[in-house]
């Protein structure tokens, strides 16, 4: 018989999800059978698979040791790069300035050197993350940014922070602001654009429509023109909805694509300026809690921004 004491990082997980993560050698069907047969108990009693665990709960397992053995992992994240640009850090989270070209999560082209792998390596080497001491939790990113876009990404160091931040993101109590450079400027210098976005997964591209269709989703993009120069407009954008390629596709749809964006703009339009990278950066984050944020309440109304956005200085210098 083996007993496990539930730690704060595992609190809130469903029993079945926790067991699958903690004991990958235990087949799912067998796990459900053992729960039904009371060979897996919580606090000495039979439990439902959907039970939400609490810190301090004790799980008793009357099963073969071989099924409870954890695989011997080599930590792939230790092969990730060390470069991290930290905007802010405390005991619960990191705010990171992700540079263009860095992936947030692995894909079919890059597995090892991603932003989340760099975060895990940083916390491991700092002594704040030990995979062998965790039953199920691993540091995680709360938001993500496309590979070719830079800006602020939030990483949660513990499960409670991750739960709170995920909910705040869902409830739109975290405001994300972007800087971009447009070809030309809309007639109105500020406003809210509305449209309907349809995704083409095969082409990894989206289309913005004026009217809804069966597979489209409403998008709302708030913007403010900050300055105009040399036929370009430095613009601040707040996403009121967060859809794939929303900023790039929405401005292109009204005739003002982003400088350097070859997918939704045109290379012919970009060529005179010599830019092949899209001028888009998630440069500011504001915490605006409307409901209780528990352990993270100290962040309410705080803003963090990146002052050295790579294209802003070039815009004002006239070197674009």
C-alpha atoms as a PDB file:
ATOM      1  CA  UNK A   1       0.000   0.000   0.000  1.00  0.00           C
ATOM      2  CA  UNK A   2       1.221   3.484  -0.904  1.00  0.00           C
ATOM      3  CA  UNK A   3      -0.038   6.802   0.445  1.00  0.00           C
ATOM      4  CA  UNK A   4       0.215  10.198  -1.190  1.00  0.00           C
ATOM      5  CA  UNK A   5      -0.389  13.534   0.521  1.00  0.00           C
ATOM      6  CA  UNK A   6      -1.918  16.110  -1.812  1.00  0.00           C
ATOM      7  CA  UNK A   7       0.175  19.281  -2.000  1.00  0.00           C
ATOM      8  CA  UNK A   8      -1.138  22.784  -2.823  1.00  0.00           C
ATOM      9  CA  UNK A   9       0.024  22.505  -6.465  1.00  0.00           C
ATOM     10  CA  UNK A  10      -2.263  19.482  -6.941  1.00  0.00           C
ATOM     11  CA  UNK A  11      -5.303  20.936  -5.170  1.00  0.00           C
ATOM     12  CA  UNK A  12      -8.322  21.400  -7.411  1.00  0.00           C
ATOM     13  CA  UNK A  13      -7.471  18.575  -9.800  1.00  0.00           C
ATOM     14  CA  UNK A  14      -9.944  15.793 -10.496  1.00  0.00           C
ATOM     15  CA  UNK A  15      -8.929  12.493  -8.955  1.00  0.00           C
ATOM     16  CA  UNK A  16      -8.704  10.687 -12.308  1.00  0.00           C
ATOM     17  CA  UNK A  17      -6.684  13.478 -13.939  1.00  0.00           C
ATOM     18  CA  UNK A  18      -4.283  13.550 -11.005  1.00  0.00           C
ATOM     19  CA  UNK A  19      -3.751   9.771 -11.082  1.00  0.00           C
ATOM     20  CA  UNK A  20      -3.146   9.724 -14.833  1.00  0.00           C
ATOM     21  CA  UNK A  21      -0.477  12.388 -14.485  1.00  0.00           C
ATOM     22  CA  UNK A  22       1.112  10.994 -11.325  1.00  0.00           C
ATOM     23  CA  UNK A  23       1.152   7.337 -12.467  1.00  0.00           C
ATOM     24  CA  UNK A  24       1.573   7.120 -16.253  1.00  0.00           C
ATOM     25  CA  UNK A  25       2.207   3.351 -16.003  1.00  0.00           C
ATOM     26  CA  UNK A  26      -1.308   2.790 -14.614  1.00  0.00           C
ATOM     27  CA  UNK A  27      -3.690   2.006 -17.515  1.00  0.00           C
ATOM     28  CA  UNK A  28      -6.761   4.221 -17.540  1.00  0.00           C
ATOM     29  CA  UNK A  29      -9.273   1.358 -17.571  1.00  0.00           C
ATOM     30  CA  UNK A  30      -7.506  -0.293 -14.644  1.00  0.00           C
ATOM     31  CA  UNK A  31      -7.428   2.994 -12.742  1.00  0.00           C
ATOM     32  CA  UNK A  32     -11.212   3.363 -13.043  1.00  0.00           C
ATOM     33  CA  UNK A  33     -11.688  -0.252 -11.954  1.00  0.00           C
ATOM     34  CA  UNK A  34      -9.467   0.245  -8.882  1.00  0.00           C
ATOM     35  CA  UNK A  35     -11.413   3.364  -7.898  1.00  0.00           C
ATOM     36  CA  UNK A  36     -14.703   1.436  -8.168  1.00  0.00           C
ATOM     37  CA  UNK A  37     -13.276  -1.513  -6.203  1.00  0.00           C
ATOM     38  CA  UNK A  38     -11.953   0.813  -3.452  1.00  0.00           C
ATOM     39  CA  UNK A  39      -8.349  -0.138  -4.143  1.00  0.00           C
ATOM     40  CA  UNK A  40      -7.802   3.584  -4.547  1.00  0.00           C
ATOM     41  CA  UNK A  41      -9.290   5.631  -1.699  1.00  0.00           C
ATOM     42  CA  UNK A  42      -9.254   9.255  -0.650  1.00  0.00           C
ATOM     43  CA  UNK A  43      -9.038   9.951   3.062  1.00  0.00           C
ATOM     44  CA  UNK A  44      -9.781   6.285   3.720  1.00  0.00           C
ATOM     45  CA  UNK A  45     -13.072   6.313   1.796  1.00  0.00           C
ATOM     46  CA  UNK A  46     -14.350   5.340  -1.627  1.00  0.00           C
ATOM     47  CA  UNK A  47     -14.211   8.344  -3.969  1.00  0.00           C
ATOM     48  CA  UNK A  48     -15.807   9.340  -7.264  1.00  0.00           C
ATOM     49  CA  UNK A  49     -13.491   9.751 -10.228  1.00  0.00           C
ATOM     50  CA  UNK A  50     -14.673  13.368 -10.548  1.00  0.00           C
ATOM     51  CA  UNK A  51     -13.728  14.268  -6.961  1.00  0.00           C
ATOM     52  CA  UNK A  52     -11.797  17.539  -6.746  1.00  0.00           C
ATOM     53  CA  UNK A  53      -8.763  17.052  -4.536  1.00  0.00           C
ATOM     54  CA  UNK A  54      -7.860  19.431  -1.706  1.00  0.00           C
ATOM     55  CA  UNK A  55      -4.490  20.166  -0.138  1.00  0.00           C
ATOM     56  CA  UNK A  56      -3.989  17.758   2.752  1.00  0.00           C
ATOM     57  CA  UNK A  57      -6.063  14.931   1.268  1.00  0.00           C
ATOM     58  CA  UNK A  58      -4.488  11.484   1.488  1.00  0.00           C
ATOM     59  CA  UNK A  59      -4.747   9.028  -1.397  1.00  0.00           C
ATOM     60  CA  UNK A  60      -4.280   5.359  -0.490  1.00  0.00           C
ATOM     61  CA  UNK A  61      -3.347   2.979  -3.305  1.00  0.00           C
ATOM     62  CA  UNK A  62      -3.627  -0.790  -2.900  1.00  0.00           C
ATOM     63  CA  UNK A  63      -2.060  -1.686  -6.229  1.00  0.00           C
ATOM     64  CA  UNK A  64       1.124  -3.306  -7.566  1.00  0.00           C
ATOM     65  CA  UNK A  65       4.297  -1.277  -7.119  1.00  0.00           C
ATOM     66  CA  UNK A  66       5.196  -1.642 -10.796  1.00  0.00           C
ATOM     67  CA  UNK A  67       2.077   0.322 -11.772  1.00  0.00           C
ATOM     68  CA  UNK A  68       3.088   3.169  -9.481  1.00  0.00           C
ATOM     69  CA  UNK A  69       6.671   3.490 -10.654  1.00  0.00           C
ATOM     70  CA  UNK A  70       7.463   6.759 -12.331  1.00  0.00           C
ATOM     71  CA  UNK A  71       9.407   6.570 -15.605  1.00  0.00           C
ATOM     72  CA  UNK A  72      13.005   7.739 -15.408  1.00  0.00           C
ATOM     73  CA  UNK A  73      12.915  10.987 -17.317  1.00  0.00           C
ATOM     74  CA  UNK A  74      15.745  12.992 -18.754  1.00  0.00           C
ATOM     75  CA  UNK A  75      14.760  16.614 -18.553  1.00  0.00           C
ATOM     76  CA  UNK A  76      14.572  17.861 -22.127  1.00  0.00           C
ATOM     77  CA  UNK A  77      14.182  21.439 -20.925  1.00  0.00           C
ATOM     78  CA  UNK A  78      17.810  21.408 -19.762  1.00  0.00           C
ATOM     79  CA  UNK A  79      18.766  21.474 -23.458  1.00  0.00           C
ATOM     80  CA  UNK A  80      16.770  24.667 -24.037  1.00  0.00           C
ATOM     81  CA  UNK A  81      18.476  28.032 -24.297  1.00  0.00           C
ATOM     82  CA  UNK A  82      19.032  30.159 -21.209  1.00  0.00           C
ATOM     83  CA  UNK A  83      18.070  33.492 -22.738  1.00  0.00           C
ATOM     84  CA  UNK A  84      15.064  35.013 -20.961  1.00  0.00           C
ATOM     85  CA  UNK A  85      14.110  38.667 -20.883  1.00  0.00           C
ATOM     86  CA  UNK A  86      12.256  39.083 -17.572  1.00  0.00           C
ATOM     87  CA  UNK A  87       9.942  42.081 -17.252  1.00  0.00           C
ATOM     88  CA  UNK A  88       8.735  41.178 -13.745  1.00  0.00           C
ATOM     89  CA  UNK A  89       9.037  38.252 -11.339  1.00  0.00           C
ATOM     90  CA  UNK A  90       7.679  37.278  -7.939  1.00  0.00           C
ATOM     91  CA  UNK A  91       6.994  34.023  -6.095  1.00  0.00           C
ATOM     92  CA  UNK A  92       3.900  33.296  -8.211  1.00  0.00           C
ATOM     93  CA  UNK A  93       4.650  34.339 -11.766  1.00  0.00           C
ATOM     94  CA  UNK A  94       7.017  35.628 -14.408  1.00  0.00           C
ATOM     95  CA  UNK A  95       6.279  38.256 -17.046  1.00  0.00           C
ATOM     96  CA  UNK A  96       8.551  37.619 -20.014  1.00  0.00           C
ATOM     97  CA  UNK A  97       9.432  39.650 -23.077  1.00  0.00           C
ATOM     98  CA  UNK A  98       9.259  36.949 -25.756  1.00  0.00           C
ATOM     99  CA  UNK A  99      11.394  37.873 -28.723  1.00  0.00           C
ATOM    100  CA  UNK A 100      10.218  37.365 -32.329  1.00  0.00           C
ATOM    101  CA  UNK A 101      11.333  33.990 -33.647  1.00  0.00           C
ATOM    102  CA  UNK A 102      10.905  32.156 -30.329  1.00  0.00           C
ATOM    103  CA  UNK A 103       8.083  29.605 -30.066  1.00  0.00           C
ATOM    104  CA  UNK A 104       5.939  29.579 -26.931  1.00  0.00           C
ATOM    105  CA  UNK A 105       5.313  25.816 -27.108  1.00  0.00           C
ATOM    106  CA  UNK A 106       6.792  22.949 -29.149  1.00  0.00           C
ATOM    107  CA  UNK A 107       5.537  22.316 -32.660  1.00  0.00           C
ATOM    108  CA  UNK A 108       6.514  19.978 -35.480  1.00  0.00           C
ATOM    109  CA  UNK A 109       9.570  22.129 -36.284  1.00  0.00           C
ATOM    110  CA  UNK A 110      10.957  22.869 -32.832  1.00  0.00           C
ATOM    111  CA  UNK A 111      10.606  20.731 -29.716  1.00  0.00           C
ATOM    112  CA  UNK A 112      13.386  21.660 -27.306  1.00  0.00           C
ATOM    113  CA  UNK A 113      14.201  25.358 -27.391  1.00  0.00           C
ATOM    114  CA  UNK A 114      10.852  26.995 -26.678  1.00  0.00           C
ATOM    115  CA  UNK A 115       9.821  29.702 -24.240  1.00  0.00           C
ATOM    116  CA  UNK A 116       8.172  27.260 -21.810  1.00  0.00           C
ATOM    117  CA  UNK A 117      11.291  25.042 -21.880  1.00  0.00           C
ATOM    118  CA  UNK A 118      13.472  28.063 -21.091  1.00  0.00           C
ATOM    119  CA  UNK A 119      11.157  28.933 -18.189  1.00  0.00           C
ATOM    120  CA  UNK A 120      11.404  25.404 -16.776  1.00  0.00           C
ATOM    121  CA  UNK A 121      15.179  25.430 -17.096  1.00  0.00           C
ATOM    122  CA  UNK A 122      15.405  28.837 -15.407  1.00  0.00           C
ATOM    123  CA  UNK A 123      13.209  27.777 -12.477  1.00  0.00           C
ATOM    124  CA  UNK A 124      14.946  24.382 -12.175  1.00  0.00           C
ATOM    125  CA  UNK A 125      18.402  25.950 -12.013  1.00  0.00           C
ATOM    126  CA  UNK A 126      17.077  28.549  -9.576  1.00  0.00           C
ATOM    127  CA  UNK A 127      15.783  25.783  -7.300  1.00  0.00           C
ATOM    128  CA  UNK A 128      12.108  26.745  -7.673  1.00  0.00           C
ATOM    129  CA  UNK A 129      11.021  23.769  -9.799  1.00  0.00           C
ATOM    130  CA  UNK A 130      11.880  20.131  -9.176  1.00  0.00           C
ATOM    131  CA  UNK A 131       9.939  17.766 -11.482  1.00  0.00           C
ATOM    132  CA  UNK A 132      10.757  14.765  -9.268  1.00  0.00           C
ATOM    133  CA  UNK A 133       9.050  16.426  -6.294  1.00  0.00           C
ATOM    134  CA  UNK A 134       5.846  17.230  -8.191  1.00  0.00           C
ATOM    135  CA  UNK A 135       3.046  14.738  -8.648  1.00  0.00           C
ATOM    136  CA  UNK A 136       1.325  16.462 -11.547  1.00  0.00           C
ATOM    137  CA  UNK A 137       2.125  20.193 -11.770  1.00  0.00           C
ATOM    138  CA  UNK A 138       4.583  21.812 -14.135  1.00  0.00           C
ATOM    139  CA  UNK A 139       5.100  25.560 -14.750  1.00  0.00           C
ATOM    140  CA  UNK A 140       2.891  26.779 -17.580  1.00  0.00           C
ATOM    141  CA  UNK A 141       2.244  29.758 -19.830  1.00  0.00           C
ATOM    142  CA  UNK A 142      -1.029  31.612 -19.339  1.00  0.00           C
ATOM    143  CA  UNK A 143      -1.067  33.231 -22.784  1.00  0.00           C
ATOM    144  CA  UNK A 144       0.803  32.680 -26.002  1.00  0.00           C
ATOM    145  CA  UNK A 145       2.050  34.836 -28.851  1.00  0.00           C
ATOM    146  CA  UNK A 146       2.756  33.786 -32.434  1.00  0.00           C
ATOM    147  CA  UNK A 147       6.327  32.842 -33.277  1.00  0.00           C
ATOM    148  CA  UNK A 148       6.994  35.966 -35.354  1.00  0.00           C
ATOM    149  CA  UNK A 149       5.398  38.373 -32.877  1.00  0.00           C
ATOM    150  CA  UNK A 150       7.139  39.545 -29.725  1.00  0.00           C
ATOM    151  CA  UNK A 151       5.787  40.722 -26.408  1.00  0.00           C
ATOM    152  CA  UNK A 152       4.685  39.969 -22.875  1.00  0.00           C
ATOM    153  CA  UNK A 153       3.921  36.364 -21.973  1.00  0.00           C
ATOM    154  CA  UNK A 154       2.822  35.296 -18.479  1.00  0.00           C
ATOM    155  CA  UNK A 155       4.277  32.153 -16.874  1.00  0.00           C
ATOM    156  CA  UNK A 156       2.721  30.723 -13.692  1.00  0.00           C
ATOM    157  CA  UNK A 157       5.084  29.193 -11.142  1.00  0.00           C
ATOM    158  CA  UNK A 158       2.454  27.296  -9.140  1.00  0.00           C
ATOM    159  CA  UNK A 159      -0.938  25.706  -9.681  1.00  0.00           C
ATOM    160  CA  UNK A 160      -2.942  28.282  -7.723  1.00  0.00           C
ATOM    161  CA  UNK A 161      -1.465  31.164  -9.715  1.00  0.00           C
ATOM    162  CA  UNK A 162      -2.154  29.267 -12.939  1.00  0.00           C
ATOM    163  CA  UNK A 163      -5.801  28.682 -12.021  1.00  0.00           C
ATOM    164  CA  UNK A 164      -6.385  32.318 -11.057  1.00  0.00           C
ATOM    165  CA  UNK A 165      -4.638  33.755 -14.105  1.00  0.00           C
ATOM    166  CA  UNK A 166      -6.385  31.384 -16.513  1.00  0.00           C
ATOM    167  CA  UNK A 167      -9.742  32.486 -15.110  1.00  0.00           C
ATOM    168  CA  UNK A 168      -8.805  36.167 -15.226  1.00  0.00           C
ATOM    169  CA  UNK A 169      -7.716  35.761 -18.832  1.00  0.00           C
ATOM    170  CA  UNK A 170     -11.014  34.041 -19.655  1.00  0.00           C
ATOM    171  CA  UNK A 171     -12.984  36.784 -17.899  1.00  0.00           C
ATOM    172  CA  UNK A 172     -10.977  39.473 -19.730  1.00  0.00           C
ATOM    173  CA  UNK A 173      -9.619  41.002 -16.536  1.00  0.00           C
ATOM    174  CA  UNK A 174      -6.142  41.115 -18.089  1.00  0.00           C
ATOM    175  CA  UNK A 175      -5.795  43.810 -20.752  1.00  0.00           C
ATOM    176  CA  UNK A 176      -3.201  43.283 -23.492  1.00  0.00           C
ATOM    177  CA  UNK A 177      -2.036  46.193 -25.627  1.00  0.00           C
ATOM    178  CA  UNK A 178      -0.080  45.913 -28.863  1.00  0.00           C
ATOM    179  CA  UNK A 179       2.048  48.311 -30.866  1.00  0.00           C
ATOM    180  CA  UNK A 180       2.051  47.971 -34.626  1.00  0.00           C
ATOM    181  CA  UNK A 181       2.884  49.979 -37.728  1.00  0.00           C
ATOM    182  CA  UNK A 182       0.236  50.256 -40.433  1.00  0.00           C
ATOM    183  CA  UNK A 183       0.570  51.122 -44.083  1.00  0.00           C
ATOM    184  CA  UNK A 184      -1.368  54.374 -44.035  1.00  0.00           C
ATOM    185  CA  UNK A 185      -3.862  55.371 -41.350  1.00  0.00           C
ATOM    186  CA  UNK A 186      -7.600  54.765 -41.051  1.00  0.00           C
ATOM    187  CA  UNK A 187      -9.755  57.866 -41.570  1.00  0.00           C
ATOM    188  CA  UNK A 188     -10.817  57.749 -37.936  1.00  0.00           C
ATOM    189  CA  UNK A 189      -7.806  58.112 -35.631  1.00  0.00           C
ATOM    190  CA  UNK A 190      -9.333  55.895 -32.964  1.00  0.00           C
ATOM    191  CA  UNK A 191     -12.229  53.504 -32.738  1.00  0.00           C
ATOM    192  CA  UNK A 192     -13.350  49.894 -32.551  1.00  0.00           C
ATOM    193  CA  UNK A 193     -13.301  47.702 -35.639  1.00  0.00           C
ATOM    194  CA  UNK A 194     -15.831  44.880 -35.838  1.00  0.00           C
ATOM    195  CA  UNK A 195     -16.029  41.969 -38.208  1.00  0.00           C
ATOM    196  CA  UNK A 196     -16.333  38.204 -38.466  1.00  0.00           C
ATOM    197  CA  UNK A 197     -13.272  36.002 -38.681  1.00  0.00           C
ATOM    198  CA  UNK A 198     -13.226  32.700 -40.517  1.00  0.00           C
ATOM    199  CA  UNK A 199     -10.267  30.354 -40.097  1.00  0.00           C
ATOM    200  CA  UNK A 200      -8.705  28.261 -42.848  1.00  0.00           C
ATOM    201  CA  UNK A 201      -6.691  25.664 -40.907  1.00  0.00           C
ATOM    202  CA  UNK A 202      -5.156  24.061 -43.995  1.00  0.00           C
ATOM    203  CA  UNK A 203      -3.650  27.362 -45.145  1.00  0.00           C
ATOM    204  CA  UNK A 204      -2.958  28.623 -41.611  1.00  0.00           C
ATOM    205  CA  UNK A 205      -4.708  31.822 -42.580  1.00  0.00           C
ATOM    206  CA  UNK A 206      -7.868  33.685 -41.629  1.00  0.00           C
ATOM    207  CA  UNK A 207     -10.363  35.846 -43.495  1.00  0.00           C
ATOM    208  CA  UNK A 208     -12.301  38.797 -42.105  1.00  0.00           C
ATOM    209  CA  UNK A 209     -15.898  39.189 -43.312  1.00  0.00           C
ATOM    210  CA  UNK A 210     -18.407  41.998 -42.885  1.00  0.00           C
ATOM    211  CA  UNK A 211     -21.284  39.598 -42.188  1.00  0.00           C
ATOM    212  CA  UNK A 212     -21.377  36.375 -40.136  1.00  0.00           C
ATOM    213  CA  UNK A 213     -21.349  32.920 -41.674  1.00  0.00           C
ATOM    214  CA  UNK A 214     -21.734  29.463 -40.150  1.00  0.00           C
ATOM    215  CA  UNK A 215     -18.087  28.980 -39.174  1.00  0.00           C
ATOM    216  CA  UNK A 216     -17.133  32.579 -38.371  1.00  0.00           C
ATOM    217  CA  UNK A 217     -16.573  34.304 -35.028  1.00  0.00           C
ATOM    218  CA  UNK A 218     -17.127  37.922 -34.027  1.00  0.00           C
ATOM    219  CA  UNK A 219     -13.963  39.983 -33.628  1.00  0.00           C
ATOM    220  CA  UNK A 220     -13.564  43.425 -32.051  1.00  0.00           C
ATOM    221  CA  UNK A 221     -10.320  45.380 -32.330  1.00  0.00           C
ATOM    222  CA  UNK A 222      -9.837  48.674 -30.488  1.00  0.00           C
ATOM    223  CA  UNK A 223      -7.161  51.003 -31.873  1.00  0.00           C
ATOM    224  CA  UNK A 224      -5.588  54.435 -31.470  1.00  0.00           C
ATOM    225  CA  UNK A 225      -3.234  56.114 -33.948  1.00  0.00           C
ATOM    226  CA  UNK A 226      -0.227  57.429 -31.994  1.00  0.00           C
ATOM    227  CA  UNK A 227       1.796  59.050 -34.799  1.00  0.00           C
ATOM    228  CA  UNK A 228       2.019  59.221 -38.604  1.00  0.00           C
ATOM    229  CA  UNK A 229       5.191  59.466 -40.673  1.00  0.00           C
ATOM    230  CA  UNK A 230       6.374  58.575 -44.190  1.00  0.00           C
ATOM    231  CA  UNK A 231       3.063  56.988 -45.135  1.00  0.00           C
ATOM    232  CA  UNK A 232       3.028  54.824 -42.000  1.00  0.00           C
ATOM    233  CA  UNK A 233       1.014  54.949 -38.775  1.00  0.00           C
ATOM    234  CA  UNK A 234       2.303  53.868 -35.354  1.00  0.00           C
ATOM    235  CA  UNK A 235      -0.778  52.393 -33.710  1.00  0.00           C
ATOM    236  CA  UNK A 236      -1.784  51.053 -30.299  1.00  0.00           C
ATOM    237  CA  UNK A 237      -4.241  48.163 -30.345  1.00  0.00           C
ATOM    238  CA  UNK A 238      -6.271  46.502 -27.597  1.00  0.00           C
ATOM    239  CA  UNK A 239      -7.807  43.140 -28.397  1.00  0.00           C
ATOM    240  CA  UNK A 240     -11.407  43.022 -27.201  1.00  0.00           C
ATOM    241  CA  UNK A 241     -11.578  39.506 -28.612  1.00  0.00           C
ATOM    242  CA  UNK A 242      -8.577  37.246 -29.052  1.00  0.00           C
ATOM    243  CA  UNK A 243      -8.637  35.325 -32.325  1.00  0.00           C
ATOM    244  CA  UNK A 244      -5.910  33.865 -34.516  1.00  0.00           C
ATOM    245  CA  UNK A 245      -4.061  36.587 -36.505  1.00  0.00           C
ATOM    246  CA  UNK A 246      -6.813  39.033 -35.519  1.00  0.00           C
ATOM    247  CA  UNK A 247      -4.797  42.261 -35.616  1.00  0.00           C
ATOM    248  CA  UNK A 248      -2.993  41.434 -38.846  1.00  0.00           C
ATOM    249  CA  UNK A 249      -6.098  40.260 -40.695  1.00  0.00           C
ATOM    250  CA  UNK A 250      -8.431  42.966 -39.391  1.00  0.00           C
ATOM    251  CA  UNK A 251      -6.287  45.913 -40.450  1.00  0.00           C
ATOM    252  CA  UNK A 252      -5.517  44.277 -43.795  1.00  0.00           C
ATOM    253  CA  UNK A 253      -9.259  43.888 -44.333  1.00  0.00           C
ATOM    254  CA  UNK A 254      -9.776  47.663 -44.053  1.00  0.00           C
ATOM    255  CA  UNK A 255      -6.873  48.408 -46.398  1.00  0.00           C
ATOM    256  CA  UNK A 256      -4.126  49.082 -43.855  1.00  0.00           C
ATOM    257  CA  UNK A 257      -1.985  45.947 -43.479  1.00  0.00           C
ATOM    258  CA  UNK A 258       0.909  45.832 -41.036  1.00  0.00           C
ATOM    259  CA  UNK A 259       4.341  46.835 -42.221  1.00  0.00           C
ATOM    260  CA  UNK A 260       6.421  43.722 -42.904  1.00  0.00           C
ATOM    261  CA  UNK A 261       3.477  41.340 -42.999  1.00  0.00           C
ATOM    262  CA  UNK A 262       3.775  39.294 -46.175  1.00  0.00           C
ATOM    263  CA  UNK A 263       0.839  37.011 -45.378  1.00  0.00           C
ATOM    264  CA  UNK A 264      -1.946  39.585 -45.042  1.00  0.00           C
ATOM    265  CA  UNK A 265      -0.166  42.485 -46.752  1.00  0.00           C
ATOM    266  CA  UNK A 266       1.973  42.421 -49.884  1.00  0.00           C
ATOM    267  CA  UNK A 267       5.712  42.105 -50.406  1.00  0.00           C
ATOM    268  CA  UNK A 268       5.537  44.838 -53.040  1.00  0.00           C
ATOM    269  CA  UNK A 269       4.107  47.229 -50.457  1.00  0.00           C
ATOM    270  CA  UNK A 270       6.737  46.261 -47.866  1.00  0.00           C
ATOM    271  CA  UNK A 271       9.778  46.221 -50.145  1.00  0.00           C
ATOM    272  CA  UNK A 272      10.435  50.012 -50.261  1.00  0.00           C
ATOM    273  CA  UNK A 273      10.803  50.018 -46.468  1.00  0.00           C
ATOM    274  CA  UNK A 274      13.171  47.030 -46.377  1.00  0.00           C
ATOM    275  CA  UNK A 275      11.233  45.167 -43.670  1.00  0.00           C
ATOM    276  CA  UNK A 276      10.437  41.473 -43.895  1.00  0.00           C
ATOM    277  CA  UNK A 277       9.345  41.060 -40.245  1.00  0.00           C
ATOM    278  CA  UNK A 278       5.856  42.075 -39.196  1.00  0.00           C
ATOM    279  CA  UNK A 279       5.857  45.204 -37.030  1.00  0.00           C
ATOM    280  CA  UNK A 280       3.686  43.920 -34.197  1.00  0.00           C
ATOM    281  CA  UNK A 281       4.492  43.703 -30.482  1.00  0.00           C
ATOM    282  CA  UNK A 282       2.440  42.907 -27.381  1.00  0.00           C
ATOM    283  CA  UNK A 283       4.060  45.678 -25.386  1.00  0.00           C
ATOM    284  CA  UNK A 284       1.799  46.335 -22.392  1.00  0.00           C
ATOM    285  CA  UNK A 285      -0.191  44.290 -19.849  1.00  0.00           C
ATOM    286  CA  UNK A 286      -2.607  45.656 -17.244  1.00  0.00           C
ATOM    287  CA  UNK A 287      -4.198  43.670 -14.413  1.00  0.00           C
ATOM    288  CA  UNK A 288      -7.763  44.893 -13.910  1.00  0.00           C
ATOM    289  CA  UNK A 289      -9.472  42.514 -11.502  1.00  0.00           C
ATOM    290  CA  UNK A 290     -13.249  42.843 -11.230  1.00  0.00           C
ATOM    291  CA  UNK A 291     -13.600  39.840  -8.934  1.00  0.00           C
ATOM    292  CA  UNK A 292     -11.550  38.328  -6.118  1.00  0.00           C
ATOM    293  CA  UNK A 293      -8.026  37.344  -7.174  1.00  0.00           C
ATOM    294  CA  UNK A 294      -7.090  35.635  -3.878  1.00  0.00           C
ATOM    295  CA  UNK A 295      -3.290  35.304  -3.602  1.00  0.00           C
ATOM    296  CA  UNK A 296      -2.754  37.521  -6.652  1.00  0.00           C
ATOM    297  CA  UNK A 297      -4.827  40.499  -5.495  1.00  0.00           C
ATOM    298  CA  UNK A 298      -1.629  42.531  -5.044  1.00  0.00           C
ATOM    299  CA  UNK A 299      -1.357  42.746  -8.852  1.00  0.00           C
ATOM    300  CA  UNK A 300      -4.663  44.583  -9.298  1.00  0.00           C
ATOM    301  CA  UNK A 301      -4.376  47.788 -11.378  1.00  0.00           C
ATOM    302  CA  UNK A 302      -0.664  47.244 -12.001  1.00  0.00           C
ATOM    303  CA  UNK A 303       0.670  47.749 -15.526  1.00  0.00           C
ATOM    304  CA  UNK A 304       3.868  46.473 -17.102  1.00  0.00           C
ATOM    305  CA  UNK A 305       5.266  47.553 -20.434  1.00  0.00           C
ATOM    306  CA  UNK A 306       8.239  47.109 -22.740  1.00  0.00           C
ATOM    307  CA  UNK A 307       9.887  50.392 -23.644  1.00  0.00           C
ATOM    308  CA  UNK A 308      12.389  49.168 -26.241  1.00  0.00           C
ATOM    309  CA  UNK A 309      10.057  47.740 -28.877  1.00  0.00           C
ATOM    310  CA  UNK A 310      12.377  47.081 -31.811  1.00  0.00           C
ATOM    311  CA  UNK A 311      10.528  49.130 -34.440  1.00  0.00           C
ATOM    312  CA  UNK A 312       9.331  52.125 -32.393  1.00  0.00           C
ATOM    313  CA  UNK A 313      12.670  53.974 -32.359  1.00  0.00           C
ATOM    314  CA  UNK A 314      13.156  53.357 -36.091  1.00  0.00           C
ATOM    315  CA  UNK A 315       9.714  54.820 -36.745  1.00  0.00           C
ATOM    316  CA  UNK A 316      10.463  58.097 -34.968  1.00  0.00           C
ATOM    317  CA  UNK A 317      14.018  58.251 -36.355  1.00  0.00           C
ATOM    318  CA  UNK A 318      12.590  58.060 -39.832  1.00  0.00           C
ATOM    319  CA  UNK A 319      14.781  55.087 -40.677  1.00  0.00           C
ATOM    320  CA  UNK A 320      11.922  52.795 -41.632  1.00  0.00           C
END
